[in-house]
Amino acid sequence: MFGEYMIYVNDKPMLLVCDSTVYVKKLDCIDELMREADRGFPYKGAKEHYILDIEDTDFCKEIVEILEKVTPIPKPKKKPVK
């Protein structure tokens, strides 16, 4: 598990913040928009993610709007039966 921050939008996990860097999961719906973006691994054992330039606020809003449409709300984890 990562040790930093997950940013949620409408109860949906959108952005991962590790070591003061904002990461976005690599998804087909944003591949074209993020083709010029740097890539990196937010934590050991993670898959490669896009690195989001948070200084470009209009671009960030566009990415989040796209991701919000395709990201499901996580299902609650079942509690173990005792």
N, C-alpha and C. Protein backbone atom coordinates (compact mmCIF):
# COMPACT_ATOMS: atom_id res chain seq x y z
N MET A 1 0.85 -1.18 0.00
CA MET A 1 0.00 0.00 0.00
C MET A 1 0.89 1.24 0.00
N PHE A 2 0.39 2.31 -0.57
CA PHE A 2 1.15 3.55 -0.62
C PHE A 2 1.08 4.23 0.74
N GLY A 3 1.93 5.19 0.97
CA GLY A 3 1.99 5.82 2.27
C GLY A 3 1.73 7.31 2.25
N GLU A 4 1.08 7.81 1.22
CA GLU A 4 0.89 9.25 1.12
C GLU A 4 -0.59 9.59 1.08
N TYR A 5 -1.08 10.24 0.00
CA TYR A 5 -2.46 10.73 -0.03
C TYR A 5 -3.19 10.29 -1.30
N MET A 6 -4.48 10.01 -1.15
CA MET A 6 -5.36 9.74 -2.28
C MET A 6 -6.38 10.87 -2.30
N ILE A 7 -6.55 11.50 -3.46
CA ILE A 7 -7.53 12.57 -3.62
C ILE A 7 -8.79 11.96 -4.21
N TYR A 8 -9.92 12.19 -3.54
CA TYR A 8 -11.22 11.66 -3.98
C TYR A 8 -12.06 12.79 -4.55
N VAL A 9 -12.83 12.48 -5.60
CA VAL A 9 -13.82 13.39 -6.16
C VAL A 9 -15.13 12.62 -6.22
N ASN A 10 -16.14 13.13 -5.56
CA ASN A 10 -17.44 12.44 -5.50
C ASN A 10 -17.28 11.00 -5.04
N ASP A 11 -16.50 10.80 -4.00
CA ASP A 11 -16.24 9.48 -3.39
C ASP A 11 -15.48 8.53 -4.30
N LYS A 12 -14.86 9.04 -5.35
CA LYS A 12 -14.11 8.22 -6.29
C LYS A 12 -12.63 8.57 -6.20
N PRO A 13 -11.75 7.57 -6.09
CA PRO A 13 -10.32 7.86 -6.01
C PRO A 13 -9.79 8.35 -7.36
N MET A 14 -9.24 9.56 -7.38
CA MET A 14 -8.81 10.17 -8.64
C MET A 14 -7.29 10.33 -8.77
N LEU A 15 -6.69 10.95 -7.78
CA LEU A 15 -5.28 11.33 -7.86
C LEU A 15 -4.52 10.79 -6.67
N LEU A 16 -3.31 10.41 -6.91
CA LEU A 16 -2.43 9.90 -5.86
C LEU A 16 -1.29 10.90 -5.67
N VAL A 17 -1.04 11.31 -4.44
CA VAL A 17 0.02 12.28 -4.15
C VAL A 17 1.08 11.58 -3.30
N CYS A 18 2.26 11.45 -3.87
CA CYS A 18 3.39 10.82 -3.18
C CYS A 18 4.63 11.68 -3.39
N ASP A 19 5.34 11.97 -2.33
CA ASP A 19 6.55 12.79 -2.40
C ASP A 19 6.32 14.10 -3.15
N SER A 20 5.22 14.76 -2.87
CA SER A 20 4.86 16.06 -3.46
C SER A 20 4.68 15.99 -4.98
N THR A 21 4.36 14.81 -5.50
CA THR A 21 4.10 14.62 -6.93
C THR A 21 2.71 14.04 -7.09
N VAL A 22 1.94 14.54 -8.07
CA VAL A 22 0.59 14.07 -8.31
C VAL A 22 0.61 13.05 -9.44
N TYR A 23 0.10 11.86 -9.15
CA TYR A 23 0.08 10.77 -10.11
C TYR A 23 -1.34 10.47 -10.53
N VAL A 24 -1.49 10.08 -11.81
CA VAL A 24 -2.77 9.69 -12.37
C VAL A 24 -2.61 8.31 -12.99
N LYS A 25 -3.55 7.43 -12.68
CA LYS A 25 -3.51 6.08 -13.24
C LYS A 25 -3.57 6.14 -14.76
N LYS A 26 -2.78 5.30 -15.41
CA LYS A 26 -2.77 5.25 -16.87
C LYS A 26 -4.04 4.55 -17.36
N LEU A 27 -4.91 5.31 -18.00
CA LEU A 27 -6.16 4.79 -18.55
C LEU A 27 -6.29 5.21 -20.00
N ASP A 28 -6.96 4.37 -20.78
CA ASP A 28 -7.13 4.66 -22.21
C ASP A 28 -7.82 6.00 -22.46
N CYS A 29 -8.77 6.37 -21.61
CA CYS A 29 -9.55 7.59 -21.83
C CYS A 29 -8.71 8.88 -21.74
N ILE A 30 -7.52 8.81 -21.12
CA ILE A 30 -6.68 10.01 -21.02
C ILE A 30 -5.34 9.83 -21.71
N ASP A 31 -5.12 8.69 -22.36
CA ASP A 31 -3.83 8.43 -23.01
C ASP A 31 -3.43 9.54 -23.98
N GLU A 32 -4.36 9.96 -24.81
CA GLU A 32 -4.03 10.98 -25.82
C GLU A 32 -3.67 12.32 -25.17
N LEU A 33 -4.43 12.71 -24.15
CA LEU A 33 -4.17 13.99 -23.47
C LEU A 33 -2.85 13.97 -22.69
N MET A 34 -2.49 12.80 -22.17
CA MET A 34 -1.32 12.69 -21.31
C MET A 34 -0.09 12.16 -22.04
N ARG A 35 -0.13 12.09 -23.36
CA ARG A 35 0.98 11.50 -24.12
C ARG A 35 2.31 12.21 -23.91
N GLU A 36 2.29 13.51 -23.60
CA GLU A 36 3.51 14.28 -23.38
C GLU A 36 3.93 14.31 -21.90
N ALA A 37 3.08 13.77 -21.03
CA ALA A 37 3.34 13.84 -19.59
C ALA A 37 4.48 12.92 -19.18
N ASP A 38 5.17 13.33 -18.14
CA ASP A 38 6.17 12.45 -17.54
C ASP A 38 5.44 11.26 -16.92
N ARG A 39 6.19 10.20 -16.68
CA ARG A 39 5.64 9.01 -16.07
C ARG A 39 6.53 8.62 -14.90
N GLY A 40 5.92 7.93 -13.96
CA GLY A 40 6.70 7.49 -12.81
C GLY A 40 5.94 6.48 -11.98
N PHE A 41 6.61 6.00 -10.94
CA PHE A 41 6.04 5.02 -10.04
C PHE A 41 5.83 5.69 -8.68
N PRO A 42 4.59 5.81 -8.23
CA PRO A 42 4.33 6.54 -7.00
C PRO A 42 4.89 5.87 -5.74
N TYR A 43 5.01 4.57 -5.74
CA TYR A 43 5.55 3.85 -4.59
C TYR A 43 6.06 2.49 -5.06
N LYS A 44 6.86 1.86 -4.23
CA LYS A 44 7.45 0.57 -4.59
C LYS A 44 6.35 -0.46 -4.84
N GLY A 45 6.44 -1.12 -5.98
CA GLY A 45 5.46 -2.13 -6.33
C GLY A 45 4.27 -1.61 -7.12
N ALA A 46 4.20 -0.30 -7.33
CA ALA A 46 3.09 0.30 -8.08
C ALA A 46 3.32 0.16 -9.58
N LYS A 47 2.23 0.20 -10.31
CA LYS A 47 2.32 0.26 -11.77
C LYS A 47 2.70 1.69 -12.16
N GLU A 48 3.19 1.84 -13.38
CA GLU A 48 3.56 3.16 -13.87
C GLU A 48 2.31 4.04 -13.99
N HIS A 49 2.44 5.29 -13.58
CA HIS A 49 1.37 6.29 -13.63
C HIS A 49 1.85 7.49 -14.43
N TYR A 50 0.89 8.30 -14.87
CA TYR A 50 1.22 9.60 -15.43
C TYR A 50 1.49 10.55 -14.28
N ILE A 51 2.35 11.53 -14.50
CA ILE A 51 2.57 12.60 -13.53
C ILE A 51 1.82 13.83 -14.03
N LEU A 52 0.94 14.34 -13.19
CA LEU A 52 0.07 15.46 -13.55
C LEU A 52 0.71 16.78 -13.13
N ASP A 53 0.80 17.71 -14.07
CA ASP A 53 1.33 19.05 -13.79
C ASP A 53 0.22 19.87 -13.15
N ILE A 54 0.28 20.03 -11.84
CA ILE A 54 -0.80 20.73 -11.15
C ILE A 54 -0.77 22.24 -11.35
N GLU A 55 0.30 22.75 -11.94
CA GLU A 55 0.37 24.19 -12.24
C GLU A 55 -0.59 24.56 -13.37
N ASP A 56 -0.92 23.61 -14.24
CA ASP A 56 -1.84 23.84 -15.35
C ASP A 56 -3.25 23.47 -14.88
N THR A 57 -3.90 24.42 -14.20
CA THR A 57 -5.18 24.13 -13.56
C THR A 57 -6.29 23.75 -14.55
N ASP A 58 -6.32 24.39 -15.72
CA ASP A 58 -7.34 24.05 -16.70
C ASP A 58 -7.18 22.61 -17.17
N PHE A 59 -5.95 22.19 -17.40
CA PHE A 59 -5.67 20.82 -17.82
C PHE A 59 -6.05 19.83 -16.71
N CYS A 60 -5.72 20.18 -15.48
CA CYS A 60 -6.08 19.31 -14.35
C CYS A 60 -7.58 19.12 -14.25
N LYS A 61 -8.33 20.21 -14.41
CA LYS A 61 -9.79 20.11 -14.37
C LYS A 61 -10.30 19.20 -15.48
N GLU A 62 -9.74 19.32 -16.67
CA GLU A 62 -10.14 18.48 -17.79
C GLU A 62 -9.89 17.00 -17.49
N ILE A 63 -8.72 16.69 -16.96
CA ILE A 63 -8.37 15.31 -16.63
C ILE A 63 -9.31 14.76 -15.56
N VAL A 64 -9.54 15.54 -14.50
CA VAL A 64 -10.41 15.09 -13.42
C VAL A 64 -11.84 14.88 -13.91
N GLU A 65 -12.33 15.74 -14.78
CA GLU A 65 -13.68 15.57 -15.33
C GLU A 65 -13.80 14.27 -16.12
N ILE A 66 -12.80 13.96 -16.90
CA ILE A 66 -12.80 12.71 -17.66
C ILE A 66 -12.74 11.50 -16.73
N LEU A 67 -11.83 11.55 -15.77
CA LEU A 67 -11.67 10.44 -14.83
C LEU A 67 -12.92 10.23 -13.98
N GLU A 68 -13.57 11.31 -13.59
CA GLU A 68 -14.75 11.20 -12.74
C GLU A 68 -15.86 10.40 -13.44
N LYS A 69 -15.94 10.53 -14.76
CA LYS A 69 -16.98 9.83 -15.52
C LYS A 69 -16.73 8.32 -15.61
N VAL A 70 -15.47 7.91 -15.58
CA VAL A 70 -15.15 6.49 -15.80
C VAL A 70 -14.71 5.74 -14.54
N THR A 71 -14.48 6.46 -13.46
CA THR A 71 -14.01 5.81 -12.23
C THR A 71 -15.19 5.42 -11.36
N PRO A 72 -15.29 4.15 -11.01
CA PRO A 72 -16.41 3.72 -10.14
C PRO A 72 -16.14 4.06 -8.68
N ILE A 73 -17.20 4.13 -7.91
CA ILE A 73 -17.06 4.28 -6.47
C ILE A 73 -16.60 2.92 -5.94
N PRO A 74 -15.55 2.91 -5.12
CA PRO A 74 -15.06 1.62 -4.61
C PRO A 74 -16.13 0.90 -3.79
N LYS A 75 -16.16 -0.42 -3.93
CA LYS A 75 -17.10 -1.22 -3.15
C LYS A 75 -16.55 -1.36 -1.74
N PRO A 76 -17.45 -1.31 -0.75
CA PRO A 76 -16.98 -1.48 0.63
C PRO A 76 -16.40 -2.88 0.84
N LYS A 77 -15.36 -2.94 1.64
CA LYS A 77 -14.74 -4.24 1.92
C LYS A 77 -15.62 -4.99 2.93
N LYS A 78 -15.76 -6.28 2.69
CA LYS A 78 -16.54 -7.11 3.60
C LYS A 78 -15.77 -7.34 4.89
N LYS A 79 -16.50 -7.26 5.99
CA LYS A 79 -15.89 -7.51 7.28
C LYS A 79 -15.77 -9.02 7.49
N PRO A 80 -14.67 -9.46 8.07
CA PRO A 80 -14.53 -10.89 8.29
C PRO A 80 -15.57 -11.41 9.29
N VAL A 81 -16.07 -12.60 9.02
CA VAL A 81 -17.06 -13.23 9.89
C VAL A 81 -16.33 -13.89 11.05
N LYS A 82 -16.79 -13.64 12.25
CA LYS A 82 -16.15 -14.23 13.44
C LYS A 82 -16.97 -15.36 13.99
